[in-house]
Amino acid sequence: MTSSATFHDFGVPTVLVDILTGQGISEPTPIQAATLRDSLAGRDVLGRGRTGSGKTLAFALPLVARLADSKSPRTRRKPRALILVPTRELVTQIDAVIKPFARAMGLNTLTVFGGVGQNPQVRGLDAGVDILIACPGRLEDLITQGHCRLDAVQVTVLDEADHMADLGFLPGVRRLLRQTPKTGQRLLFSATLDKAIDVLVREFLTKPVTHEADSAQSPVAAMSHHVLGVEKDLRVPVLIDLTSAPGRTVIFTRTKHGAKALVRQLNSRGVPAVDLHGNLSQNARTRNMEAFSSGAVSTLVATDVAARGIHVDDIALVIHADPPAEHKAYLHRSGRTARAGREGTVITLMTPDQRADVRSLTRAAGIHPTTTHLSDTQHPVLRELAPGERVLVEGIAAPVAAPQRQSRKAPSNRAANGRARNSSPGSGARRAGAGSGGGGNTASGSGARRNGAGSSSRSNGTGTGTRSAGSGSTGNHSAANFSRRSR
């Protein structure tokens, strides 16, 4: 098996390969190359690969291909395939990935998760569904109410199994798996394999074939790891400096309150940011993720629980505003960047009382970060880690009624939503998109995106126009508070 093997070589149907080609995907990632042949053959597979390694397509392609081949009829309230995942955001993102392939094969999909009304989900089950993508809790509720049965499931996928274990979901997962036919195919994917995962494997997988690629426990070569030593009163100013540079940034905090407070501080200083944590309603979570993934807002502040729901490419900078308590959380957080072979930078802020903990953390994670101690925000390392002109936006706190979608051709009206500070002709305005794909507004000047330009959602700022300015209440930090860029 060579790295030049194609999807055709592994037996992926031509119809699905054509869709991949249309998406610019021509060669399998290591985890896909390792697992596709066995998955397509109907074997139970245990796959281990870090976040961003391509696990979703590794199970989506064989699932769709095998369901299409089976030609069994769609039955009311009895899904033919089940994908279990730990978070609502991941449900939505997997659905977005798998839907084009399913449609091409005449299959449909349905998402099931809590935090929203269940009536649309019930109607979807009543109509019959081929591929059900679900969080365990809501699915158990629907089964208990008689809206769903799992005895017709032919293929079961358990994604992010280690995260389900961390969240305490495994008892519910086991109850659900026991309702699926023992003769069905089961695919289990995880970034790490520990004792909790072993229990699932022994009980539910039959003679599984194990494949490992891009383990989350090993440092990612494409990531550069840095520790910035700061006094407590310098922590927020450093974050403002880093996030006011061009590019997508994810900041992690330990608590929901910390995430909310930090977003309020960033917004008040001119950095459009949204948060993602368990206290938000599902609608707010969806709006905020949409704003971040579309490029309308380029800074996302999240908690550890929400970390696994962030699957967005072209995140160049991950900042641990609060160092995580354990190395697994560090690796999972950091996995938001350097996805699909891209480069990325990981920064950990360390106050004097955290030095011993951070040393232990990085040692356990197996990384050797570059450590720099800062006395102010003028240190040159900040410009090295986040290159580009710093641009802050005034007027973010002014409320708006609803998000406005901008014309693809027209530049944004910065005067209506707040005006940018610290920008000038010849220097790239903050997060202006002029690359291939990503759909931001454009700005004159250089303003190169971290680690290069020209990729989706990254920009070297070579167009004309202005940066989209955020506006809206900072109370719930919803994406509705920011004007959207054209896509």
Protein backbone atom coordinates (compact mmCIF):
# COMPACT_ATOMS: atom_id res chain seq x y z
CA MET A 1 0.00 0.00 0.00
CA THR A 2 1.58 3.26 -1.14
CA SER A 3 0.77 6.81 -0.30
CA SER A 4 -0.20 7.37 -3.95
CA ALA A 5 -3.09 4.86 -3.79
CA THR A 6 -6.40 6.38 -4.88
CA PHE A 7 -9.94 5.96 -3.58
CA HIS A 8 -10.63 3.81 -6.64
CA ASP A 9 -7.79 1.50 -5.61
CA PHE A 10 -9.52 0.85 -2.28
CA GLY A 11 -12.84 0.03 -3.91
CA VAL A 12 -14.78 3.24 -3.37
CA PRO A 13 -17.60 3.41 -5.97
CA THR A 14 -17.02 5.72 -8.93
CA VAL A 15 -20.03 7.89 -8.07
CA LEU A 16 -18.54 8.68 -4.66
CA VAL A 17 -15.04 9.20 -6.09
CA ASP A 18 -16.47 11.76 -8.50
CA ILE A 19 -17.95 13.71 -5.59
CA LEU A 20 -14.61 13.59 -3.77
CA THR A 21 -12.87 14.88 -6.88
CA GLY A 22 -15.37 17.71 -7.12
CA GLN A 23 -14.51 18.62 -3.53
CA GLY A 24 -10.79 18.69 -4.38
CA ILE A 25 -10.05 15.41 -2.56
CA SER A 26 -7.99 13.04 -4.68
CA GLU A 27 -5.91 10.99 -2.27
CA PRO A 28 -6.92 9.23 0.96
CA THR A 29 -5.47 10.34 4.30
CA PRO A 30 -3.54 7.71 6.30
CA ILE A 31 -6.55 6.68 8.41
CA GLN A 32 -8.70 6.39 5.29
CA ALA A 33 -6.08 4.38 3.43
CA ALA A 34 -5.68 2.08 6.43
CA THR A 35 -9.37 1.33 7.02
CA LEU A 36 -11.28 1.66 3.73
CA ARG A 37 -10.58 -1.78 2.30
CA ASP A 38 -11.72 -3.58 5.46
CA SER A 39 -14.72 -1.30 6.02
CA LEU A 40 -15.92 -1.72 2.45
CA ALA A 41 -15.59 -5.49 2.84
CA GLY A 42 -17.99 -5.44 5.80
CA ARG A 43 -15.49 -6.18 8.55
CA ASP A 44 -15.70 -4.67 12.02
CA VAL A 45 -13.03 -1.97 12.29
CA LEU A 46 -11.36 -0.25 15.21
CA GLY A 47 -9.68 2.91 13.91
CA ARG A 48 -7.47 5.26 15.85
CA GLY A 49 -6.52 8.62 14.45
CA ARG A 50 -6.14 12.12 15.80
CA THR A 51 -8.70 14.86 15.25
CA GLY A 52 -8.49 16.24 11.73
CA SER A 53 -7.06 13.02 10.30
CA GLY A 54 -10.06 12.32 8.07
CA LYS A 55 -11.98 9.83 10.21
CA THR A 56 -15.39 11.08 9.05
CA LEU A 57 -14.84 10.10 5.42
CA ALA A 58 -13.17 6.89 6.59
CA PHE A 59 -16.53 5.65 7.87
CA ALA A 60 -18.90 7.72 5.71
CA LEU A 61 -17.74 6.33 2.37
CA PRO A 62 -18.05 2.61 3.22
CA LEU A 63 -21.31 3.18 5.11
CA VAL A 64 -22.95 4.83 2.11
CA ALA A 65 -21.50 2.31 -0.35
CA ARG A 66 -22.64 -0.72 1.64
CA LEU A 67 -26.15 0.63 2.27
CA ALA A 68 -26.57 1.36 -1.44
CA ASP A 69 -25.42 -2.17 -2.31
CA SER A 70 -27.80 -3.81 0.15
CA LYS A 71 -30.88 -2.37 -1.60
CA SER A 72 -32.99 -3.14 1.48
CA PRO A 73 -36.12 -0.97 1.68
CA ARG A 74 -36.43 2.12 3.86
CA THR A 75 -38.73 1.31 6.77
CA ARG A 76 -40.75 3.61 9.03
CA ARG A 77 -39.02 4.28 12.37
CA LYS A 78 -36.22 1.80 11.59
CA PRO A 79 -32.95 3.40 10.45
CA ARG A 80 -30.65 1.27 8.33
CA ALA A 81 -27.43 2.82 9.64
CA LEU A 82 -26.60 4.52 12.93
CA ILE A 83 -23.80 6.98 13.68
CA LEU A 84 -23.40 7.83 17.38
CA VAL A 85 -21.39 10.92 18.37
CA PRO A 86 -20.95 12.86 21.62
CA THR A 87 -21.93 16.43 20.69
CA ARG A 88 -24.66 18.26 18.82
CA GLU A 89 -22.16 20.19 16.74
CA LEU A 90 -20.48 16.99 15.61
CA VAL A 91 -23.87 15.55 14.59
CA THR A 92 -24.47 18.54 12.32
CA GLN A 93 -20.97 18.50 10.86
CA ILE A 94 -21.00 14.79 10.08
CA ASP A 95 -24.38 15.20 8.41
CA ALA A 96 -22.95 17.97 6.22
CA VAL A 97 -20.07 15.71 5.17
CA ILE A 98 -22.09 12.57 4.47
CA LYS A 99 -25.19 14.13 2.85
CA PRO A 100 -23.77 14.69 -0.68
CA PHE A 101 -22.62 11.06 -0.88
CA ALA A 102 -25.90 9.74 0.51
CA ARG A 103 -27.98 11.76 -1.94
CA ALA A 104 -25.91 10.52 -4.85
CA MET A 105 -26.81 6.97 -3.86
CA GLY A 106 -30.50 7.70 -3.25
CA LEU A 107 -30.17 7.63 0.54
CA ASN A 108 -31.39 10.11 3.13
CA THR A 109 -30.05 11.24 6.50
CA LEU A 110 -31.59 12.46 9.75
CA THR A 111 -29.97 14.18 12.73
CA VAL A 112 -31.14 13.61 16.31
CA PHE A 113 -29.90 15.56 19.33
CA GLY A 114 -31.20 17.37 22.38
CA GLY A 115 -31.66 21.07 23.02
CA VAL A 116 -34.23 21.44 20.24
CA GLY A 117 -37.81 20.32 19.78
CA GLN A 118 -38.17 16.65 18.93
CA ASN A 119 -41.19 16.89 16.61
CA PRO A 120 -39.16 17.33 13.37
CA GLN A 121 -37.02 14.38 14.43
CA VAL A 122 -40.10 12.26 15.09
CA ARG A 123 -41.53 13.17 11.69
CA GLY A 124 -38.26 12.22 10.03
CA LEU A 125 -38.24 8.81 11.72
CA ASP A 126 -41.89 8.26 10.80
CA ALA A 127 -41.08 8.94 7.15
CA GLY A 128 -38.25 6.43 7.16
CA VAL A 129 -34.53 7.11 7.31
CA ASP A 130 -31.46 5.41 5.90
CA ILE A 131 -28.70 7.03 7.95
CA LEU A 132 -29.39 8.29 11.48
CA ILE A 133 -26.75 10.54 13.07
CA ALA A 134 -27.47 10.96 16.76
CA CYS A 135 -26.38 11.87 20.25
CA PRO A 136 -27.11 9.00 22.69
CA GLY A 137 -29.38 10.87 25.11
CA ARG A 138 -32.03 12.13 22.69
CA LEU A 139 -31.99 8.85 20.76
CA GLU A 140 -32.72 6.88 23.93
CA ASP A 141 -35.60 9.25 24.67
CA LEU A 142 -37.12 8.67 21.21
CA ILE A 143 -36.72 4.91 21.51
CA THR A 144 -38.39 4.94 24.94
CA GLN A 145 -41.31 6.89 23.45
CA GLY A 146 -41.69 4.32 20.68
CA HIS A 147 -40.55 6.56 17.84
CA CYS A 148 -37.50 4.53 16.83
CA ARG A 149 -36.19 0.97 16.78
CA LEU A 150 -32.66 -0.20 16.02
CA ASP A 151 -33.31 -3.80 15.01
CA ALA A 152 -32.89 -3.00 11.28
CA VAL A 153 -29.49 -1.28 11.62
CA GLN A 154 -26.98 -2.81 9.22
CA VAL A 155 -23.98 -0.56 9.98
CA THR A 156 -23.25 1.12 13.31
CA VAL A 157 -20.54 3.77 13.70
CA LEU A 158 -19.26 5.04 17.03
CA ASP A 159 -17.23 8.22 16.47
CA GLU A 160 -15.15 10.06 19.08
CA ALA A 161 -15.55 7.06 21.38
CA ASP A 162 -12.96 8.32 23.84
CA HIS A 163 -14.81 11.61 24.23
CA MET A 164 -18.05 9.73 24.91
CA ALA A 165 -16.20 7.92 27.67
CA ASP A 166 -14.91 11.22 29.08
CA LEU A 167 -18.46 12.61 29.17
CA GLY A 168 -19.91 9.53 30.86
CA PHE A 169 -21.99 8.49 27.84
CA LEU A 170 -20.78 4.90 27.60
CA PRO A 171 -23.63 3.30 29.64
CA GLY A 172 -26.15 4.82 27.25
CA VAL A 173 -24.02 3.85 24.25
CA ARG A 174 -23.94 0.24 25.44
CA ARG A 175 -27.70 0.20 25.87
CA LEU A 176 -28.13 1.44 22.31
CA LEU A 177 -25.61 -0.96 20.80
CA ARG A 178 -27.36 -3.90 22.46
CA GLN A 179 -30.46 -3.01 20.46
CA THR A 180 -28.65 -3.29 17.12
CA PRO A 181 -28.35 -6.70 15.37
CA LYS A 182 -25.27 -8.68 16.32
CA THR A 183 -24.82 -9.56 12.67
CA GLY A 184 -24.46 -5.90 11.66
CA GLN A 185 -21.16 -4.23 10.88
CA ARG A 186 -19.66 -2.01 13.59
CA LEU A 187 -17.04 0.67 13.09
CA LEU A 188 -15.45 2.36 16.10
CA PHE A 189 -13.23 5.42 15.70
CA SER A 190 -11.35 7.19 18.45
CA ALA A 191 -8.36 9.48 18.95
CA THR A 192 -7.18 7.36 21.88
CA LEU A 193 -7.76 3.78 22.94
CA ASP A 194 -8.01 3.11 26.66
CA LYS A 195 -9.68 0.63 29.02
CA ALA A 196 -13.16 2.11 28.58
CA ILE A 197 -12.88 1.66 24.81
CA ASP A 198 -11.58 -1.88 25.28
CA VAL A 199 -14.82 -2.75 27.07
CA LEU A 200 -16.85 -1.65 24.06
CA VAL A 201 -14.59 -3.50 21.66
CA ARG A 202 -14.79 -6.78 23.56
CA GLU A 203 -18.58 -6.63 23.90
CA PHE A 204 -19.69 -5.32 20.53
CA LEU A 205 -17.04 -5.82 17.82
CA THR A 206 -16.56 -9.22 16.16
CA LYS A 207 -12.99 -10.05 15.18
CA PRO A 208 -12.22 -6.38 14.63
CA VAL A 209 -9.40 -5.22 12.41
CA THR A 210 -7.40 -2.54 14.20
CA HIS A 211 -5.77 0.34 12.33
CA GLU A 212 -3.84 3.26 13.78
CA ALA A 213 -2.78 6.45 12.04
CA ASP A 214 -1.80 9.91 13.27
CA SER A 215 -2.21 9.00 16.94
CA ALA A 216 -3.37 11.84 19.15
CA GLN A 217 -0.78 10.85 21.73
CA SER A 218 2.14 11.80 19.49
CA PRO A 219 3.04 15.43 18.78
CA VAL A 220 1.84 16.64 15.41
CA ALA A 221 4.75 17.70 13.25
CA ALA A 222 2.70 20.43 11.61
CA MET A 223 2.01 22.11 14.98
CA SER A 224 4.37 24.54 16.65
CA HIS A 225 3.88 24.67 20.42
CA HIS A 226 4.59 27.80 22.47
CA VAL A 227 4.21 28.79 26.11
CA LEU A 228 3.88 32.48 26.92
CA GLY A 229 4.64 33.41 30.52
CA VAL A 230 2.47 36.34 31.58
CA GLU A 231 1.40 38.09 34.74
CA LYS A 232 -2.32 37.76 35.41
CA ASP A 233 -3.07 41.37 34.46
CA LEU A 234 -1.36 40.85 31.09
CA ARG A 235 -3.39 37.77 30.14
CA VAL A 236 -6.33 39.57 28.47
CA PRO A 237 -4.20 42.23 26.69
CA VAL A 238 -2.10 39.44 25.14
CA LEU A 239 -5.25 37.65 23.98
CA ILE A 240 -6.57 40.88 22.46
CA ASP A 241 -3.31 41.41 20.59
CA LEU A 242 -3.23 37.87 19.20
CA THR A 243 -6.89 37.79 18.17
CA SER A 244 -6.81 41.22 16.50
CA ALA A 245 -4.35 39.84 13.94
CA PRO A 246 -5.58 38.23 10.71
CA GLY A 247 -6.85 34.67 10.90
CA ARG A 248 -9.12 32.19 12.65
CA THR A 249 -8.42 31.64 16.35
CA VAL A 250 -9.89 29.25 18.90
CA ILE A 251 -9.38 30.10 22.58
CA PHE A 252 -10.04 27.52 25.29
CA THR A 253 -11.10 28.23 28.86
CA ARG A 254 -11.78 25.79 31.68
CA THR A 255 -15.23 27.07 32.62
CA LYS A 256 -18.41 28.27 30.92
CA HIS A 257 -18.30 31.45 33.00
CA GLY A 258 -14.71 32.05 31.90
CA ALA A 259 -15.66 31.66 28.23
CA LYS A 260 -18.57 34.07 28.54
CA ALA A 261 -16.51 36.64 30.45
CA LEU A 262 -13.63 36.48 27.97
CA VAL A 263 -15.93 36.98 24.97
CA ARG A 264 -17.39 40.03 26.69
CA GLN A 265 -13.87 41.41 27.24
CA LEU A 266 -12.80 40.75 23.65
CA ASN A 267 -15.94 42.34 22.23
CA SER A 268 -15.58 45.39 24.45
CA ARG A 269 -12.05 45.91 23.15
CA GLY A 270 -12.97 45.56 19.49
CA VAL A 271 -12.40 41.85 18.75
CA PRO A 272 -15.57 40.23 17.35
CA ALA A 273 -15.86 36.90 19.16
CA VAL A 274 -18.48 34.29 20.01
CA ASP A 275 -18.53 31.53 22.60
CA LEU A 276 -19.39 27.85 22.62
CA HIS A 277 -20.32 26.04 25.83
CA GLY A 278 -23.05 24.05 27.50
CA ASN A 279 -25.00 26.99 28.88
CA LEU A 280 -25.99 28.24 25.42
CA SER A 281 -29.22 27.19 23.80
CA GLN A 282 -28.93 24.93 20.79
CA ASN A 283 -29.97 27.76 18.48
CA ALA A 284 -27.26 30.02 19.90
CA ARG A 285 -24.64 27.26 19.60
CA THR A 286 -25.63 26.67 15.99
CA ARG A 287 -25.54 30.39 15.13
CA ASN A 288 -22.16 30.85 16.78
CA MET A 289 -20.61 27.86 15.03
CA GLU A 290 -22.06 29.01 11.72
CA ALA A 291 -20.60 32.48 12.25
CA PHE A 292 -17.19 31.02 13.00
CA SER A 293 -17.12 28.39 10.26
CA SER A 294 -18.37 30.87 7.64
CA GLY A 295 -15.79 33.50 8.58
CA ALA A 296 -18.27 36.10 9.81
CA VAL A 297 -16.47 35.94 13.17
CA SER A 298 -12.88 34.77 13.43
CA THR A 299 -12.48 34.23 17.17
CA LEU A 300 -14.25 31.42 19.01
CA VAL A 301 -13.96 30.92 22.79
CA ALA A 302 -14.86 27.41 23.91
CA THR A 303 -14.80 25.08 26.89
CA ASP A 304 -13.32 21.58 26.92
CA VAL A 305 -16.75 19.95 26.63
CA ALA A 306 -17.40 21.92 23.44
CA ALA A 307 -13.94 21.26 22.01
CA ARG A 308 -14.91 18.08 20.17
CA GLY A 309 -17.66 19.93 18.36
CA ILE A 310 -15.22 22.20 16.54
CA HIS A 311 -14.31 20.67 13.21
CA VAL A 312 -13.33 23.63 11.08
CA ASP A 313 -10.35 23.65 8.75
CA ASP A 314 -7.95 26.58 8.46
CA ILE A 315 -7.73 27.34 12.16
CA ALA A 316 -4.19 28.62 12.37
CA LEU A 317 -4.05 29.49 16.06
CA VAL A 318 -5.24 27.64 19.16
CA ILE A 319 -4.76 29.41 22.48
CA HIS A 320 -5.06 27.73 25.86
CA ALA A 321 -6.09 30.77 27.89
CA ASP A 322 -6.47 28.38 30.82
CA PRO A 323 -4.03 25.45 30.66
CA PRO A 324 -6.02 22.20 30.68
CA ALA A 325 -5.89 19.90 33.67
CA GLU A 326 -4.58 16.87 31.76
CA HIS A 327 -2.55 16.13 28.67
CA LYS A 328 -5.39 14.40 26.80
CA ALA A 329 -7.39 17.63 26.94
CA TYR A 330 -4.35 19.53 25.65
CA LEU A 331 -4.03 17.20 22.67
CA HIS A 332 -7.74 17.31 21.89
CA ARG A 333 -7.88 21.09 22.17
CA SER A 334 -4.76 21.52 20.05
CA GLY A 335 -6.20 19.19 17.43
CA ARG A 336 -8.47 22.04 16.27
CA THR A 337 -5.48 23.34 14.30
CA ALA A 338 -3.10 21.59 11.88
CA ARG A 339 -6.04 19.66 10.43
CA ALA A 340 -5.72 17.66 7.22
CA GLY A 341 -1.98 18.22 7.00
CA ARG A 342 -2.06 22.00 7.38
CA GLU A 343 0.24 23.92 9.67
CA GLY A 344 -0.88 25.44 12.93
CA THR A 345 0.29 27.19 16.07
CA VAL A 346 -0.63 26.28 19.64
CA ILE A 347 -0.11 28.79 22.46
CA THR A 348 -0.49 28.19 26.19
CA LEU A 349 -0.70 31.21 28.50
CA MET A 350 1.05 30.56 31.79
CA THR A 351 0.81 32.74 34.88
CA PRO A 352 3.53 32.46 37.56
CA ASP A 353 1.46 30.13 39.75
CA GLN A 354 0.88 27.76 36.81
CA ARG A 355 4.51 27.05 35.91
CA ALA A 356 4.79 23.67 37.60
CA ASP A 357 1.45 22.52 36.21
CA VAL A 358 2.34 23.58 32.67
CA ARG A 359 5.69 21.80 32.85
CA SER A 360 3.96 18.61 33.94
CA LEU A 361 1.31 19.05 31.27
CA THR A 362 3.71 19.45 28.36
CA ARG A 363 5.87 16.59 29.61
CA ALA A 364 2.86 14.26 29.74
CA ALA A 365 1.73 15.42 26.29
CA GLY A 366 5.17 14.61 24.88
CA ILE A 367 5.83 18.07 23.49
CA HIS A 368 8.73 20.48 23.85
CA PRO A 369 7.29 23.98 23.56
CA THR A 370 9.20 27.20 23.08
CA THR A 371 8.75 29.28 26.23
CA THR A 372 8.85 33.09 26.22
CA HIS A 373 8.19 35.36 29.18
CA LEU A 374 6.37 38.61 28.35
CA SER A 375 6.38 41.91 30.23
CA ASP A 376 4.09 43.72 27.77
CA THR A 377 2.29 43.29 24.44
CA GLN A 378 5.15 44.79 22.45
CA HIS A 379 7.28 41.66 22.57
CA PRO A 380 8.20 40.62 18.98
CA VAL A 381 7.18 37.01 19.60
CA LEU A 382 3.52 38.05 19.39
CA ARG A 383 4.02 39.26 15.83
CA GLU A 384 5.87 36.07 14.99
CA LEU A 385 3.05 33.86 16.29
CA ALA A 386 0.25 35.99 14.80
CA PRO A 387 1.61 38.05 11.90
CA GLY A 388 -0.28 40.88 10.32
CA GLU A 389 -1.81 44.26 11.08
CA ARG A 390 -3.80 44.46 14.31
CA VAL A 391 -7.30 45.79 13.60
CA LEU A 392 -9.95 46.43 16.25
CA VAL A 393 -13.60 47.15 15.51
CA GLU A 394 -15.59 49.85 17.27
CA GLY A 395 -19.30 49.62 17.97
CA ILE A 396 -19.63 45.90 18.63
CA ALA A 397 -21.94 46.51 21.61
CA ALA A 398 -24.67 48.16 19.48
CA PRO A 399 -27.60 45.71 19.12
CA VAL A 400 -28.99 44.64 15.77
CA ALA A 401 -32.28 42.94 14.97
CA ALA A 402 -30.94 40.07 12.87
CA PRO A 403 -27.84 39.00 10.92
CA GLN A 404 -27.55 40.57 7.49
CA ARG A 405 -26.14 38.55 4.60
CA GLN A 406 -23.91 40.70 2.45
CA SER A 407 -23.81 40.69 -1.31
CA ARG A 408 -21.02 38.68 -2.87
CA LYS A 409 -19.95 41.71 -4.89
CA ALA A 410 -20.59 44.63 -2.61
CA PRO A 411 -18.06 45.56 0.10
CA SER A 412 -19.24 45.58 3.68
CA ASN A 413 -20.61 48.78 5.19
CA ARG A 414 -18.25 49.29 8.07
CA ALA A 415 -19.89 52.55 9.06
CA ALA A 416 -23.19 50.80 9.78
CA ASN A 417 -21.76 48.22 12.13
CA GLY A 418 -18.78 49.92 13.68
CA ARG A 419 -15.55 51.29 12.24
CA ALA A 420 -12.15 49.68 12.20
CA ARG A 421 -9.22 51.17 14.05
CA ASN A 422 -5.51 50.81 13.38
CA SER A 423 -5.83 49.91 9.71
CA SER A 424 -4.23 51.74 6.83
CA PRO A 425 -3.74 51.36 3.07
CA GLY A 426 -0.97 48.90 2.37
CA SER A 427 -1.61 46.81 5.46
CA GLY A 428 -4.10 43.95 5.47
CA ALA A 429 -7.31 44.61 7.37
CA ARG A 430 -8.19 42.05 10.00
CA ARG A 431 -9.27 38.68 8.65
CA ALA A 432 -10.08 39.91 5.18
CA GLY A 433 -10.67 37.06 2.77
CA ALA A 434 -9.20 37.12 -0.70
CA GLY A 435 -7.98 33.58 -1.08
CA SER A 436 -9.58 30.74 -2.98
CA GLY A 437 -12.72 29.72 -1.19
CA GLY A 438 -13.38 31.03 2.31
CA GLY A 439 -15.54 33.95 1.42
CA GLY A 440 -14.51 36.90 3.56
CA ASN A 441 -14.66 40.51 2.52
CA THR A 442 -11.44 41.75 1.00
CA ALA A 443 -8.96 44.39 2.06
CA SER A 444 -6.12 46.19 0.36
CA GLY A 445 -2.61 45.45 1.40
CA SER A 446 -0.59 42.45 2.44
CA GLY A 447 -2.00 41.27 5.82
CA ALA A 448 -0.93 37.68 5.13
CA ARG A 449 -2.82 34.94 6.94
CA ARG A 450 -0.74 33.03 9.46
CA ASN A 451 1.35 30.30 7.91
CA GLY A 452 0.67 31.44 4.38
CA ALA A 453 -2.16 32.54 2.15
CA GLY A 454 -4.36 31.28 -0.58
CA SER A 455 -6.19 28.51 1.24
CA SER A 456 -9.88 28.48 2.09
CA SER A 457 -10.86 31.13 4.65
CA ARG A 458 -7.32 32.45 4.75
CA SER A 459 -6.27 35.60 3.03
CA ASN A 460 -3.27 37.55 1.88
CA GLY A 461 -5.53 40.57 1.62
CA THR A 462 -5.01 41.35 -2.03
CA GLY A 463 -8.52 42.48 -2.96
CA THR A 464 -10.41 45.67 -2.41
CA GLY A 465 -13.01 46.53 0.17
CA THR A 466 -13.25 46.55 3.94
CA ARG A 467 -13.41 44.21 6.88
CA SER A 468 -16.80 43.10 8.15
CA ALA A 469 -17.42 44.76 11.49
CA GLY A 470 -19.34 43.07 14.23
CA SER A 471 -22.31 44.51 15.98
CA GLY A 472 -24.71 43.21 18.55
CA SER A 473 -25.31 42.63 22.19
CA THR A 474 -22.49 40.98 24.08
CA GLY A 475 -24.93 39.40 26.49
CA ASN A 476 -25.41 36.06 24.79
CA HIS A 477 -22.57 36.36 22.25
CA SER A 478 -24.75 34.92 19.52
CA ALA A 479 -23.79 35.00 15.88
CA ALA A 480 -26.93 37.04 15.32
CA ASN A 481 -24.97 39.92 16.78
CA PHE A 482 -22.51 40.04 13.90
CA SER A 483 -23.04 40.87 10.26
CA ARG A 484 -22.23 37.91 8.01
CA ARG A 485 -19.72 37.99 5.23
CA SER A 486 -20.54 36.87 1.76
CA ARG A 487 -19.80 33.25 1.02
